[in-house]
N, C-alpha and C. Protein backbone atom coordinates (compact mmCIF):
# COMPACT_ATOMS: atom_id res chain seq x y z
N MET A 1 -6.96 -0.73 19.19
CA MET A 1 -5.51 -0.59 19.53
C MET A 1 -5.46 0.85 20.18
N SER A 2 -4.49 0.95 21.08
CA SER A 2 -4.16 2.35 21.75
C SER A 2 -2.81 2.75 21.49
N TYR A 3 -2.63 3.94 21.05
CA TYR A 3 -1.16 4.41 20.89
C TYR A 3 -1.12 5.88 21.19
N PRO A 4 0.02 6.31 21.62
CA PRO A 4 0.20 7.89 21.93
C PRO A 4 0.15 8.74 20.80
N GLN A 5 -0.15 10.00 21.09
CA GLN A 5 -0.13 11.07 20.10
C GLN A 5 1.35 11.45 19.79
N THR A 6 1.50 11.99 18.63
CA THR A 6 2.83 12.56 18.30
C THR A 6 3.12 13.84 19.24
N PRO A 7 4.28 14.06 19.44
CA PRO A 7 5.50 13.30 18.79
C PRO A 7 5.71 11.97 19.79
N TRP A 8 6.26 11.01 19.12
CA TRP A 8 6.75 9.82 19.97
C TRP A 8 8.12 10.09 20.47
N THR A 9 8.38 9.86 21.65
CA THR A 9 9.70 9.88 22.19
C THR A 9 10.15 8.46 22.56
N LEU A 10 11.33 8.07 21.98
CA LEU A 10 11.78 6.43 22.21
C LEU A 10 13.17 6.57 22.91
N LYS A 11 13.45 5.82 23.78
CA LYS A 11 14.70 5.84 24.47
C LYS A 11 15.25 4.40 24.63
N GLY A 12 16.42 4.18 24.20
CA GLY A 12 16.95 2.80 24.21
C GLY A 12 18.27 2.96 23.57
N PHE A 13 18.44 1.90 22.62
CA PHE A 13 19.77 1.86 21.81
C PHE A 13 19.48 1.32 20.46
N ALA A 14 20.42 1.46 19.53
CA ALA A 14 20.10 1.19 18.20
C ALA A 14 21.50 0.81 17.46
N PHE A 15 21.30 0.03 16.29
CA PHE A 15 22.41 -0.20 15.30
C PHE A 15 21.86 0.28 14.05
N GLN A 16 22.96 0.77 13.09
CA GLN A 16 22.50 1.25 11.73
C GLN A 16 23.53 0.76 10.88
N THR A 17 23.14 -0.05 9.72
CA THR A 17 24.18 -0.27 8.77
C THR A 17 23.95 0.66 7.53
N LEU A 18 24.80 0.87 6.86
CA LEU A 18 24.67 1.71 5.62
C LEU A 18 25.13 0.80 4.33
N HIS A 19 24.37 0.83 3.31
CA HIS A 19 24.62 0.10 2.19
C HIS A 19 24.50 0.94 0.96
N LEU A 20 25.27 0.63 -0.17
CA LEU A 20 24.98 1.14 -1.50
C LEU A 20 24.23 0.22 -2.19
N ILE A 21 22.93 0.75 -2.67
CA ILE A 21 22.01 -0.09 -3.27
C ILE A 21 21.85 0.42 -4.71
N ASP A 22 21.82 -0.63 -5.69
CA ASP A 22 21.60 -0.29 -7.04
C ASP A 22 20.15 0.47 -7.20
N ILE A 23 20.29 1.61 -7.94
CA ILE A 23 19.05 2.30 -8.16
C ILE A 23 17.94 1.43 -8.86
N ALA A 24 18.45 0.54 -9.82
CA ALA A 24 17.52 -0.22 -10.54
C ALA A 24 16.81 -1.16 -9.60
N THR A 25 17.52 -1.66 -8.49
CA THR A 25 17.04 -2.64 -7.53
C THR A 25 16.08 -1.88 -6.48
N ALA A 26 16.46 -0.69 -6.20
CA ALA A 26 15.48 0.01 -5.18
C ALA A 26 14.29 0.78 -5.80
N SER A 27 14.25 0.89 -7.11
CA SER A 27 13.43 1.61 -7.79
C SER A 27 11.82 0.86 -7.57
N PRO A 28 11.73 -0.31 -7.68
CA PRO A 28 10.40 -0.90 -7.61
C PRO A 28 9.85 -0.73 -6.18
N PHE A 29 10.62 -0.45 -5.20
CA PHE A 29 10.22 -0.32 -3.83
C PHE A 29 9.84 1.19 -3.50
N ILE A 30 10.08 2.10 -4.38
CA ILE A 30 9.93 3.52 -4.14
C ILE A 30 8.87 4.07 -5.24
N PRO A 31 7.92 4.97 -4.80
CA PRO A 31 6.99 5.40 -5.71
C PRO A 31 7.68 6.34 -6.63
N PRO A 32 7.20 6.28 -7.92
CA PRO A 32 7.72 7.06 -9.09
C PRO A 32 7.67 8.50 -8.82
N GLU A 33 6.81 8.86 -8.04
CA GLU A 33 6.69 10.46 -7.86
C GLU A 33 7.86 11.11 -7.13
N LEU A 34 8.64 10.13 -6.48
CA LEU A 34 9.82 10.52 -5.69
C LEU A 34 11.03 10.36 -6.64
N ALA A 35 12.02 11.31 -6.65
CA ALA A 35 13.16 11.09 -7.39
C ALA A 35 14.20 10.42 -6.34
N ILE A 36 14.92 9.34 -6.84
CA ILE A 36 15.90 8.68 -6.13
C ILE A 36 17.21 9.34 -6.19
N VAL A 37 17.85 9.60 -5.12
CA VAL A 37 19.07 10.39 -4.99
C VAL A 37 20.38 9.61 -5.15
N SER A 38 21.19 9.83 -6.08
CA SER A 38 22.40 8.97 -6.18
C SER A 38 23.56 9.31 -5.19
N ALA A 39 24.04 8.13 -4.53
CA ALA A 39 25.25 8.37 -3.57
C ALA A 39 26.37 8.05 -4.41
N ALA A 40 26.35 7.32 -5.43
CA ALA A 40 27.45 6.93 -6.29
C ALA A 40 26.83 6.69 -7.63
N PRO A 41 27.69 6.52 -8.72
CA PRO A 41 27.04 6.30 -9.88
C PRO A 41 26.14 5.06 -10.02
N GLY A 42 24.85 5.21 -10.31
CA GLY A 42 23.99 4.12 -10.44
C GLY A 42 23.62 3.60 -9.05
N LYS A 43 23.78 4.09 -7.87
CA LYS A 43 23.56 3.57 -6.50
C LYS A 43 22.94 4.79 -5.64
N THR A 44 22.11 4.37 -4.74
CA THR A 44 21.62 5.23 -3.64
C THR A 44 22.08 4.58 -2.24
N LEU A 45 21.70 5.35 -1.42
CA LEU A 45 22.13 4.90 0.03
C LEU A 45 20.86 4.48 0.76
N GLY A 46 21.08 3.18 1.40
CA GLY A 46 20.13 2.55 1.96
C GLY A 46 20.68 1.94 3.34
N GLY A 47 19.87 0.98 4.10
CA GLY A 47 20.40 0.36 5.09
C GLY A 47 19.37 -0.26 6.02
N VAL A 48 19.92 -0.79 7.10
CA VAL A 48 19.00 -1.52 8.20
C VAL A 48 19.23 -0.83 9.60
N TYR A 49 18.20 -0.54 10.20
CA TYR A 49 18.24 0.06 11.60
C TYR A 49 17.56 -0.98 12.48
N LEU A 50 18.16 -1.33 13.59
CA LEU A 50 17.66 -2.17 14.50
C LEU A 50 17.76 -1.46 15.86
N ALA A 51 16.65 -1.45 16.69
CA ALA A 51 16.57 -0.73 17.94
C ALA A 51 15.69 -1.37 18.92
N GLN A 52 16.02 -1.05 20.16
CA GLN A 52 15.20 -1.52 21.34
C GLN A 52 14.89 -0.29 22.19
N TYR A 53 13.56 0.06 22.33
CA TYR A 53 12.98 1.16 23.10
C TYR A 53 12.49 0.64 24.34
N GLY A 54 13.06 1.13 25.46
CA GLY A 54 12.65 0.75 26.82
C GLY A 54 12.09 1.69 27.67
N ALA A 55 12.28 1.77 29.05
CA ALA A 55 11.55 2.67 30.01
C ALA A 55 11.82 4.17 29.65
N GLY A 56 10.70 4.76 29.76
CA GLY A 56 10.67 6.32 29.40
C GLY A 56 10.33 6.56 27.93
N SER A 57 9.93 5.60 27.24
CA SER A 57 9.52 5.68 25.94
C SER A 57 8.03 5.78 25.74
N SER A 58 7.60 6.62 24.76
CA SER A 58 6.11 6.76 24.46
C SER A 58 5.44 5.38 24.39
N LEU A 59 6.14 4.26 23.76
CA LEU A 59 5.77 2.79 23.78
C LEU A 59 7.14 2.21 23.81
N GLU A 60 7.05 0.95 24.45
CA GLU A 60 8.30 0.18 24.51
C GLU A 60 8.09 -0.92 23.49
N TYR A 61 8.97 -1.18 22.66
CA TYR A 61 9.06 -2.08 21.50
C TYR A 61 10.39 -2.25 20.94
N ASN A 62 10.50 -3.22 20.17
CA ASN A 62 11.84 -3.48 19.31
C ASN A 62 11.43 -3.09 17.80
N GLU A 63 12.44 -2.65 17.10
CA GLU A 63 12.08 -2.15 15.68
C GLU A 63 13.18 -2.59 14.72
N LEU A 64 12.71 -2.99 13.49
CA LEU A 64 13.63 -3.19 12.43
C LEU A 64 13.17 -2.21 11.24
N ILE A 65 14.15 -1.34 10.72
CA ILE A 65 13.59 -0.68 9.61
C ILE A 65 14.61 -0.86 8.48
N VAL A 66 13.99 -0.96 7.31
CA VAL A 66 14.88 -1.14 6.06
C VAL A 66 14.53 0.12 5.14
N VAL A 67 15.65 0.90 4.87
CA VAL A 67 15.60 2.00 4.09
C VAL A 67 16.08 1.52 2.69
N ALA A 68 14.98 1.71 1.64
CA ALA A 68 15.36 1.26 0.26
C ALA A 68 16.19 2.29 -0.41
N GLY A 69 16.18 3.70 0.06
CA GLY A 69 17.08 4.55 -0.63
C GLY A 69 16.70 6.06 0.00
N VAL A 70 17.58 6.91 -0.60
CA VAL A 70 17.34 8.22 -0.15
C VAL A 70 16.63 9.04 -1.51
N VAL A 71 15.54 9.63 -1.09
CA VAL A 71 14.67 10.20 -2.24
C VAL A 71 14.62 11.83 -2.03
N ARG A 72 14.13 12.35 -3.12
CA ARG A 72 13.99 13.78 -3.08
C ARG A 72 12.62 14.20 -3.68
N ARG A 73 11.93 15.20 -3.02
CA ARG A 73 10.70 15.88 -3.59
C ARG A 73 11.17 17.33 -3.60
N GLU A 74 11.11 17.99 -4.83
CA GLU A 74 11.47 19.21 -4.93
C GLU A 74 13.04 19.49 -4.33
N GLN A 75 13.19 20.34 -3.40
CA GLN A 75 14.56 20.52 -2.98
C GLN A 75 14.79 19.68 -1.60
N THR A 76 13.94 18.90 -1.16
CA THR A 76 14.05 18.36 0.17
C THR A 76 14.26 16.73 0.09
N ILE A 77 15.41 16.33 0.68
CA ILE A 77 15.46 14.85 0.48
C ILE A 77 15.13 14.17 1.88
N GLY A 78 15.03 12.92 1.71
CA GLY A 78 14.63 12.12 2.90
C GLY A 78 14.80 10.58 2.62
N ALA A 79 14.52 9.84 3.63
CA ALA A 79 14.63 8.39 3.46
C ALA A 79 13.36 7.83 3.17
N TRP A 80 13.39 6.71 2.39
CA TRP A 80 12.24 6.08 1.94
C TRP A 80 12.27 4.52 2.76
N VAL A 81 11.38 4.41 3.57
CA VAL A 81 11.20 3.14 4.28
C VAL A 81 10.46 2.05 3.52
N SER A 82 11.02 0.97 3.20
CA SER A 82 10.24 -0.08 2.34
C SER A 82 9.74 -1.14 3.19
N HIS A 83 10.40 -1.41 4.28
CA HIS A 83 9.87 -2.59 5.18
C HIS A 83 10.26 -2.09 6.72
N ILE A 84 9.15 -2.32 7.44
CA ILE A 84 9.50 -1.98 8.88
C ILE A 84 8.58 -3.04 9.80
N TYR A 85 9.33 -3.57 10.90
CA TYR A 85 8.76 -4.41 11.64
C TYR A 85 8.93 -4.05 13.27
N VAL A 86 8.02 -4.34 14.11
CA VAL A 86 7.92 -4.27 15.40
C VAL A 86 7.44 -5.29 16.13
N ASP A 87 7.40 -5.25 17.43
CA ASP A 87 6.96 -6.43 18.26
C ASP A 87 5.62 -6.03 19.34
N ASN A 88 5.21 -4.73 18.85
CA ASN A 88 4.13 -4.21 19.68
C ASN A 88 2.92 -3.83 18.81
N PRO A 89 1.82 -4.48 19.10
CA PRO A 89 0.56 -4.07 18.15
C PRO A 89 0.13 -2.68 18.04
N ASP A 90 0.37 -2.05 19.14
CA ASP A 90 0.02 -0.69 19.31
C ASP A 90 0.88 0.23 18.42
N SER A 91 2.28 -0.26 18.40
CA SER A 91 3.16 0.48 17.39
C SER A 91 2.86 0.20 15.87
N VAL A 92 2.39 -0.95 15.61
CA VAL A 92 1.91 -1.20 14.30
C VAL A 92 0.62 -0.42 13.92
N ALA A 93 -0.33 -0.02 14.87
CA ALA A 93 -1.42 0.54 14.61
C ALA A 93 -1.04 2.15 14.37
N GLY A 94 -0.25 2.53 15.30
CA GLY A 94 0.22 4.01 15.28
C GLY A 94 1.00 4.32 14.06
N GLY A 95 1.97 3.39 13.69
CA GLY A 95 2.78 3.66 12.65
C GLY A 95 2.01 3.66 11.32
N ARG A 96 0.99 2.84 11.23
CA ARG A 96 0.10 2.84 9.91
C ARG A 96 -0.73 3.92 9.82
N GLU A 97 -1.30 4.25 10.95
CA GLU A 97 -2.42 5.45 11.00
C GLU A 97 -1.96 6.72 11.07
N ILE A 98 -0.86 6.88 11.60
CA ILE A 98 -0.23 8.28 11.81
C ILE A 98 0.70 8.57 10.72
N TRP A 99 1.68 7.69 10.46
CA TRP A 99 2.87 7.90 9.35
C TRP A 99 2.73 7.26 8.19
N GLY A 100 1.58 6.28 7.94
CA GLY A 100 1.61 5.56 6.81
C GLY A 100 2.65 4.47 6.68
N MET A 101 3.31 4.16 7.71
CA MET A 101 4.45 3.10 7.61
C MET A 101 3.91 1.77 7.38
N PRO A 102 4.59 0.96 6.70
CA PRO A 102 3.93 -0.44 6.33
C PRO A 102 4.45 -1.40 7.50
N LYS A 103 4.11 -1.10 8.66
CA LYS A 103 4.61 -1.78 9.82
C LYS A 103 3.85 -3.29 9.88
N GLU A 104 4.75 -4.25 10.28
CA GLU A 104 4.26 -5.59 10.45
C GLU A 104 4.83 -6.11 11.84
N LEU A 105 4.14 -7.10 12.34
CA LEU A 105 4.72 -7.64 13.57
C LEU A 105 5.78 -8.66 13.39
N ALA A 106 6.74 -8.71 14.20
CA ALA A 106 7.96 -9.72 14.15
C ALA A 106 8.25 -9.88 15.56
N THR A 107 9.25 -10.94 15.74
CA THR A 107 9.85 -11.21 17.10
C THR A 107 11.20 -10.90 17.04
N PHE A 108 11.80 -10.58 18.23
CA PHE A 108 13.15 -10.02 18.17
C PHE A 108 13.85 -10.81 19.33
N ASP A 109 14.96 -11.43 19.08
CA ASP A 109 15.75 -12.24 20.00
C ASP A 109 16.98 -11.52 20.32
N TRP A 110 17.14 -10.73 21.35
CA TRP A 110 18.58 -10.07 21.61
C TRP A 110 19.27 -11.19 22.40
N GLN A 111 20.65 -11.23 22.00
CA GLN A 111 21.51 -12.22 22.66
C GLN A 111 22.84 -11.56 23.05
N VAL A 112 23.61 -12.30 23.72
CA VAL A 112 25.14 -11.83 24.10
C VAL A 112 25.15 -10.54 24.68
N GLY A 113 24.23 -9.99 25.64
CA GLY A 113 24.46 -8.71 26.07
C GLY A 113 24.00 -7.71 25.12
N ALA A 114 22.86 -8.11 24.16
CA ALA A 114 22.32 -7.09 23.20
C ALA A 114 23.32 -6.88 22.17
N GLN A 115 24.40 -7.72 21.87
CA GLN A 115 25.29 -7.45 21.00
C GLN A 115 24.93 -8.36 19.56
N ARG A 116 24.03 -9.10 19.65
CA ARG A 116 23.38 -9.85 18.58
C ARG A 116 21.92 -9.86 18.68
N VAL A 117 21.20 -9.77 17.54
CA VAL A 117 19.72 -9.90 17.37
C VAL A 117 19.35 -10.69 16.29
N VAL A 118 18.38 -11.45 16.46
CA VAL A 118 17.80 -12.19 15.22
C VAL A 118 16.28 -11.74 15.13
N VAL A 119 15.93 -11.36 14.13
CA VAL A 119 14.47 -10.94 13.86
C VAL A 119 13.74 -12.08 12.96
N GLN A 120 12.57 -12.35 13.26
CA GLN A 120 11.70 -13.44 12.88
C GLN A 120 10.24 -13.14 12.56
N GLN A 121 9.83 -13.60 11.59
CA GLN A 121 8.23 -13.64 11.32
C GLN A 121 7.85 -15.22 11.43
N ASP A 122 7.14 -15.69 12.36
CA ASP A 122 6.93 -17.05 12.54
C ASP A 122 8.28 -17.81 12.42
N ASP A 123 8.53 -18.76 11.32
CA ASP A 123 9.75 -19.63 11.28
C ASP A 123 10.68 -18.98 10.30
N ARG A 124 10.27 -17.87 9.65
CA ARG A 124 11.17 -17.18 8.74
C ARG A 124 11.97 -16.13 9.33
N VAL A 125 13.41 -16.19 9.21
CA VAL A 125 14.28 -15.40 9.71
C VAL A 125 14.36 -14.19 8.87
N LEU A 126 14.06 -12.89 9.28
CA LEU A 126 14.22 -11.81 8.42
C LEU A 126 15.69 -11.28 8.00
N CYS A 127 16.29 -11.19 9.22
CA CYS A 127 17.78 -10.78 9.35
C CYS A 127 18.32 -11.15 10.78
N SER A 128 19.71 -10.92 10.75
CA SER A 128 20.34 -11.04 12.07
C SER A 128 21.57 -10.11 12.06
N LEU A 129 21.96 -9.59 13.05
CA LEU A 129 23.03 -8.67 13.20
C LEU A 129 23.83 -9.02 14.42
N SER A 130 25.12 -8.96 14.14
CA SER A 130 26.09 -9.32 15.21
C SER A 130 26.95 -7.98 15.34
N SER A 131 27.24 -7.44 16.50
CA SER A 131 28.12 -6.34 16.63
C SER A 131 29.42 -6.81 17.46
N SER A 132 30.67 -6.41 16.99
CA SER A 132 31.83 -6.77 17.63
C SER A 132 32.62 -5.43 18.28
N TRP A 133 33.56 -5.06 17.46
CA TRP A 133 34.30 -3.82 18.10
C TRP A 133 33.59 -2.54 18.02
N ARG A 134 34.00 -1.66 18.65
CA ARG A 134 33.42 -0.18 18.68
C ARG A 134 34.29 0.75 18.96
N VAL A 135 34.35 1.83 18.15
CA VAL A 135 35.05 3.03 18.35
C VAL A 135 34.19 4.14 18.83
N SER A 136 34.19 4.59 20.03
CA SER A 136 33.29 5.66 20.53
C SER A 136 33.36 7.03 20.00
N LEU A 137 32.39 7.82 19.60
CA LEU A 137 32.33 8.96 19.18
C LEU A 137 31.70 9.95 20.26
N LEU A 138 31.60 11.29 19.96
CA LEU A 138 31.02 12.31 20.86
C LEU A 138 29.50 12.05 20.80
N ARG A 139 28.90 12.41 21.87
CA ARG A 139 27.46 12.51 21.75
C ARG A 139 26.83 13.57 20.78
N GLN A 140 26.01 13.19 19.87
CA GLN A 140 25.58 14.16 18.91
C GLN A 140 24.14 14.04 18.78
N THR A 141 23.57 15.13 18.07
CA THR A 141 22.18 15.17 17.82
C THR A 141 21.96 15.35 16.29
N ILE A 142 21.23 14.51 15.78
CA ILE A 142 21.11 14.33 14.37
C ILE A 142 19.60 14.30 14.04
N THR A 143 19.12 15.12 12.95
CA THR A 143 17.70 15.17 12.50
C THR A 143 17.82 14.61 11.06
N PHE A 144 16.84 13.67 10.77
CA PHE A 144 16.91 13.11 9.43
C PHE A 144 15.34 13.11 9.00
N PRO A 145 15.16 13.68 7.75
CA PRO A 145 13.86 13.58 7.41
C PRO A 145 13.42 12.18 6.65
N ALA A 146 12.14 11.90 6.57
CA ALA A 146 11.71 10.75 5.85
C ALA A 146 10.34 10.98 5.11
N TYR A 147 10.17 10.23 4.06
CA TYR A 147 8.87 10.34 3.37
C TYR A 147 8.13 9.08 3.54
N SER A 148 6.70 9.13 3.43
CA SER A 148 5.93 7.92 3.60
C SER A 148 4.65 8.27 2.72
N LEU A 149 3.82 7.13 2.74
CA LEU A 149 2.56 7.33 1.80
C LEU A 149 1.41 6.83 2.72
N LEU A 150 0.41 7.72 2.89
CA LEU A 150 -0.73 7.35 3.65
C LEU A 150 -1.97 7.64 2.89
N ASN A 151 -2.53 6.44 2.44
CA ASN A 151 -3.65 6.59 1.35
C ASN A 151 -3.04 7.12 0.17
N SER A 152 -3.61 8.30 -0.42
CA SER A 152 -3.12 9.02 -1.45
C SER A 152 -2.11 10.22 -1.07
N ASP A 153 -1.87 10.32 0.15
CA ASP A 153 -1.19 11.50 0.58
C ASP A 153 0.33 11.23 0.71
N PHE A 154 1.18 12.01 0.23
CA PHE A 154 2.77 11.73 0.60
C PHE A 154 2.85 12.56 1.85
N LEU A 155 3.60 12.00 2.80
CA LEU A 155 3.93 12.66 3.91
C LEU A 155 5.35 12.86 4.14
N ARG A 156 5.76 14.02 4.92
CA ARG A 156 7.10 14.12 5.24
C ARG A 156 7.20 14.38 6.72
N PHE A 157 8.13 13.77 7.33
CA PHE A 157 8.27 13.88 8.87
C PHE A 157 9.77 13.88 9.23
N ASP A 158 10.08 14.40 10.43
CA ASP A 158 11.44 14.45 10.90
C ASP A 158 11.49 13.53 12.04
N ALA A 159 12.73 12.96 12.30
CA ALA A 159 13.03 12.20 13.33
C ALA A 159 14.45 12.75 13.93
N THR A 160 14.56 13.03 15.19
CA THR A 160 15.79 13.65 15.74
C THR A 160 16.15 12.74 16.85
N ALA A 161 17.52 12.25 16.51
CA ALA A 161 18.13 11.30 17.43
C ALA A 161 19.26 11.90 18.17
N SER A 162 19.23 11.79 19.44
CA SER A 162 20.32 12.29 20.43
C SER A 162 21.04 10.99 20.99
N ALA A 163 22.40 10.73 20.88
CA ALA A 163 22.85 9.51 21.32
C ALA A 163 24.42 9.51 21.48
N ASN A 164 24.94 8.59 22.14
CA ASN A 164 26.38 8.36 22.10
C ASN A 164 26.68 7.36 20.92
N PHE A 165 27.14 8.04 19.84
CA PHE A 165 27.34 7.38 18.68
C PHE A 165 28.74 6.66 18.67
N GLY A 166 28.80 5.58 17.80
CA GLY A 166 30.08 4.96 17.83
C GLY A 166 30.27 4.07 16.43
N LEU A 167 31.36 4.13 15.77
CA LEU A 167 31.52 3.04 14.76
C LEU A 167 31.84 1.76 15.18
N ILE A 168 31.07 0.65 14.61
CA ILE A 168 31.08 -0.70 15.23
C ILE A 168 31.37 -1.60 13.95
N GLY A 169 31.96 -2.80 14.40
CA GLY A 169 32.04 -3.87 13.45
C GLY A 169 30.83 -4.66 13.52
N ALA A 170 30.21 -4.79 12.24
CA ALA A 170 28.89 -5.38 12.31
C ALA A 170 28.82 -6.43 11.27
N GLU A 171 28.20 -7.63 11.53
CA GLU A 171 28.03 -8.69 10.59
C GLU A 171 26.42 -8.77 10.45
N LEU A 172 25.99 -8.47 9.12
CA LEU A 172 24.67 -8.53 8.88
C LEU A 172 24.39 -9.57 7.87
N GLU A 173 23.23 -10.55 8.35
CA GLU A 173 22.91 -11.51 7.48
C GLU A 173 21.41 -11.47 7.09
N VAL A 174 21.16 -11.46 5.78
CA VAL A 174 19.69 -11.39 5.34
C VAL A 174 19.55 -12.51 4.37
N PRO A 175 18.88 -13.65 4.96
CA PRO A 175 18.65 -14.82 4.20
C PRO A 175 17.86 -14.60 2.79
N ASN A 176 18.07 -15.50 1.82
CA ASN A 176 17.45 -15.40 0.62
C ASN A 176 15.98 -15.46 0.72
N THR A 177 15.52 -16.02 1.93
CA THR A 177 13.78 -15.90 1.96
C THR A 177 13.40 -14.69 2.53
N SER A 178 14.11 -13.87 2.83
CA SER A 178 13.78 -12.55 3.45
C SER A 178 13.11 -11.75 2.40
N PRO A 179 12.14 -10.83 2.83
CA PRO A 179 11.41 -10.03 1.84
C PRO A 179 12.29 -8.91 1.38
N PHE A 180 13.24 -8.53 2.07
CA PHE A 180 14.25 -7.49 1.60
C PHE A 180 15.49 -8.00 1.20
N GLU A 181 15.68 -9.06 0.93
CA GLU A 181 17.01 -9.72 0.46
C GLU A 181 17.51 -9.15 -0.88
N ARG A 182 16.54 -8.77 -1.68
CA ARG A 182 17.09 -8.10 -3.01
C ARG A 182 17.77 -6.81 -2.69
N LEU A 183 17.19 -6.10 -1.70
CA LEU A 183 17.71 -4.86 -1.41
C LEU A 183 19.02 -4.73 -0.60
N ILE A 184 19.07 -5.59 0.28
CA ILE A 184 20.30 -5.63 1.29
C ILE A 184 20.92 -6.88 1.02
N ASP A 185 21.66 -6.76 -0.05
CA ASP A 185 22.50 -7.95 -0.49
C ASP A 185 24.03 -7.76 -0.52
N THR A 186 24.42 -6.68 0.19
CA THR A 186 25.86 -6.17 0.00
C THR A 186 26.39 -6.14 1.55
N VAL A 187 27.57 -6.21 1.66
CA VAL A 187 28.34 -5.91 3.01
C VAL A 187 28.14 -4.41 3.27
N PRO A 188 27.71 -4.02 4.48
CA PRO A 188 27.69 -2.62 4.82
C PRO A 188 28.98 -1.84 4.54
N ILE A 189 28.82 -0.68 4.09
CA ILE A 189 30.14 0.27 3.82
C ILE A 189 30.44 0.98 5.22
N SER A 190 29.47 0.93 6.13
CA SER A 190 29.80 1.48 7.30
C SER A 190 28.60 1.00 8.38
N ALA A 191 28.90 1.06 9.66
CA ALA A 191 27.94 0.64 10.64
C ALA A 191 28.10 1.26 12.05
N PHE A 192 26.97 1.74 12.76
CA PHE A 192 27.12 2.63 13.59
C PHE A 192 26.32 1.98 14.92
N GLY A 193 26.65 2.32 16.13
CA GLY A 193 25.89 2.10 17.30
C GLY A 193 25.45 3.32 17.88
N ALA A 194 24.26 3.26 18.49
CA ALA A 194 23.85 4.53 19.31
C ALA A 194 23.46 3.98 20.70
N ASP A 195 24.15 4.43 21.56
CA ASP A 195 23.89 4.20 23.03
C ASP A 195 23.14 5.34 23.75
N SER A 196 22.42 5.14 24.81
CA SER A 196 21.61 6.18 25.59
C SER A 196 21.03 7.07 24.46
N LEU A 197 20.19 6.32 23.53
CA LEU A 197 19.47 6.93 22.44
C LEU A 197 18.20 7.63 23.00
N GLU A 198 18.00 8.82 22.42
CA GLU A 198 16.74 9.52 22.74
C GLU A 198 16.20 10.00 21.37
N LEU A 199 15.29 9.34 20.85
CA LEU A 199 14.66 9.68 19.40
C LEU A 199 13.25 10.28 19.54
N ARG A 200 13.11 11.39 18.79
CA ARG A 200 11.86 11.92 18.84
C ARG A 200 11.28 11.96 17.35
N VAL A 201 10.18 11.32 17.10
CA VAL A 201 9.63 11.26 15.76
C VAL A 201 8.19 12.25 15.76
N ASP A 202 8.35 13.28 14.96
CA ASP A 202 7.40 14.20 14.91
C ASP A 202 6.13 13.78 13.91
N ALA A 203 5.24 14.67 14.17
CA ALA A 203 3.97 14.28 13.41
C ALA A 203 4.34 14.67 11.95
N PRO A 204 3.66 13.95 11.02
CA PRO A 204 3.91 14.17 9.50
C PRO A 204 3.23 15.28 9.10
N LYS A 205 3.59 15.73 7.90
CA LYS A 205 2.79 16.88 7.09
C LYS A 205 2.59 16.34 5.77
N VAL A 206 1.40 16.61 5.13
CA VAL A 206 1.08 16.30 3.78
C VAL A 206 1.88 17.22 2.89
N VAL A 207 2.60 16.68 1.88
CA VAL A 207 3.48 17.43 1.07
C VAL A 207 3.03 17.38 -0.37
N ALA A 208 2.30 16.25 -0.79
CA ALA A 208 1.82 16.10 -2.06
C ALA A 208 0.71 14.94 -2.20
N GLN A 209 0.18 14.88 -3.41
CA GLN A 209 -0.98 13.85 -3.60
C GLN A 209 -0.36 12.89 -4.51
N ARG A 210 -0.55 11.65 -4.54
CA ARG A 210 -0.26 10.64 -5.44
C ARG A 210 -0.81 10.73 -6.52
N VAL A 211 -0.10 10.56 -7.79
CA VAL A 211 -0.87 10.62 -9.07
C VAL A 211 -0.55 9.48 -9.97
N SER A 212 0.06 8.52 -9.58
CA SER A 212 0.34 7.27 -10.21
C SER A 212 0.37 6.20 -9.27
N ASP A 213 0.38 4.84 -9.73
CA ASP A 213 0.37 3.62 -8.80
C ASP A 213 1.84 3.14 -8.90
N ILE A 214 2.24 2.51 -7.70
CA ILE A 214 3.48 1.78 -7.74
C ILE A 214 3.30 0.60 -8.67
N PRO A 215 4.41 0.35 -9.35
CA PRO A 215 4.26 -0.79 -10.27
C PRO A 215 4.26 -2.18 -9.59
């Protein structure tokens, strides 16, 4: 496999849903060395991110990310990605070998002018998302940190997104046969669209060593 060196620059568009997830549900998907951050009593914040990266990107591919929750190590918080799917083998290799991301291959079917997408592995539907109304916001730049695990090393890295963001009406369906159905089983508390997206994913840094096994 051949993949670019960091940082990766990705250009296209994306959708993001936000969900309140029971901490008891999220806990098995998150290493015990990381503290789960509460967003409400007994709940953490997670969600689903769907994107298409096209011309001008370090690699061109589609992506589905499932965030199991927000975590903290010492005083720094970040997202924990429990599931991630792409349709480019080079992205799988780079994601696994650089960032320790558990990337898998899947197929993406964008429909109705990219307002609906269905993601599948073979005959199994992982999820589908449909976007309806949109309230445009100003173009903004947001940096969000994430944690990952590569062998026995905990990594932390930043992703910086610049885009024309907007609130959207989103209908997300996660079948009960999906591997992340237990995590994403609620209606989103909010959903966003990101047009003219420019996303920069930086190289990770080792921040800790793993001392216990995931149950």
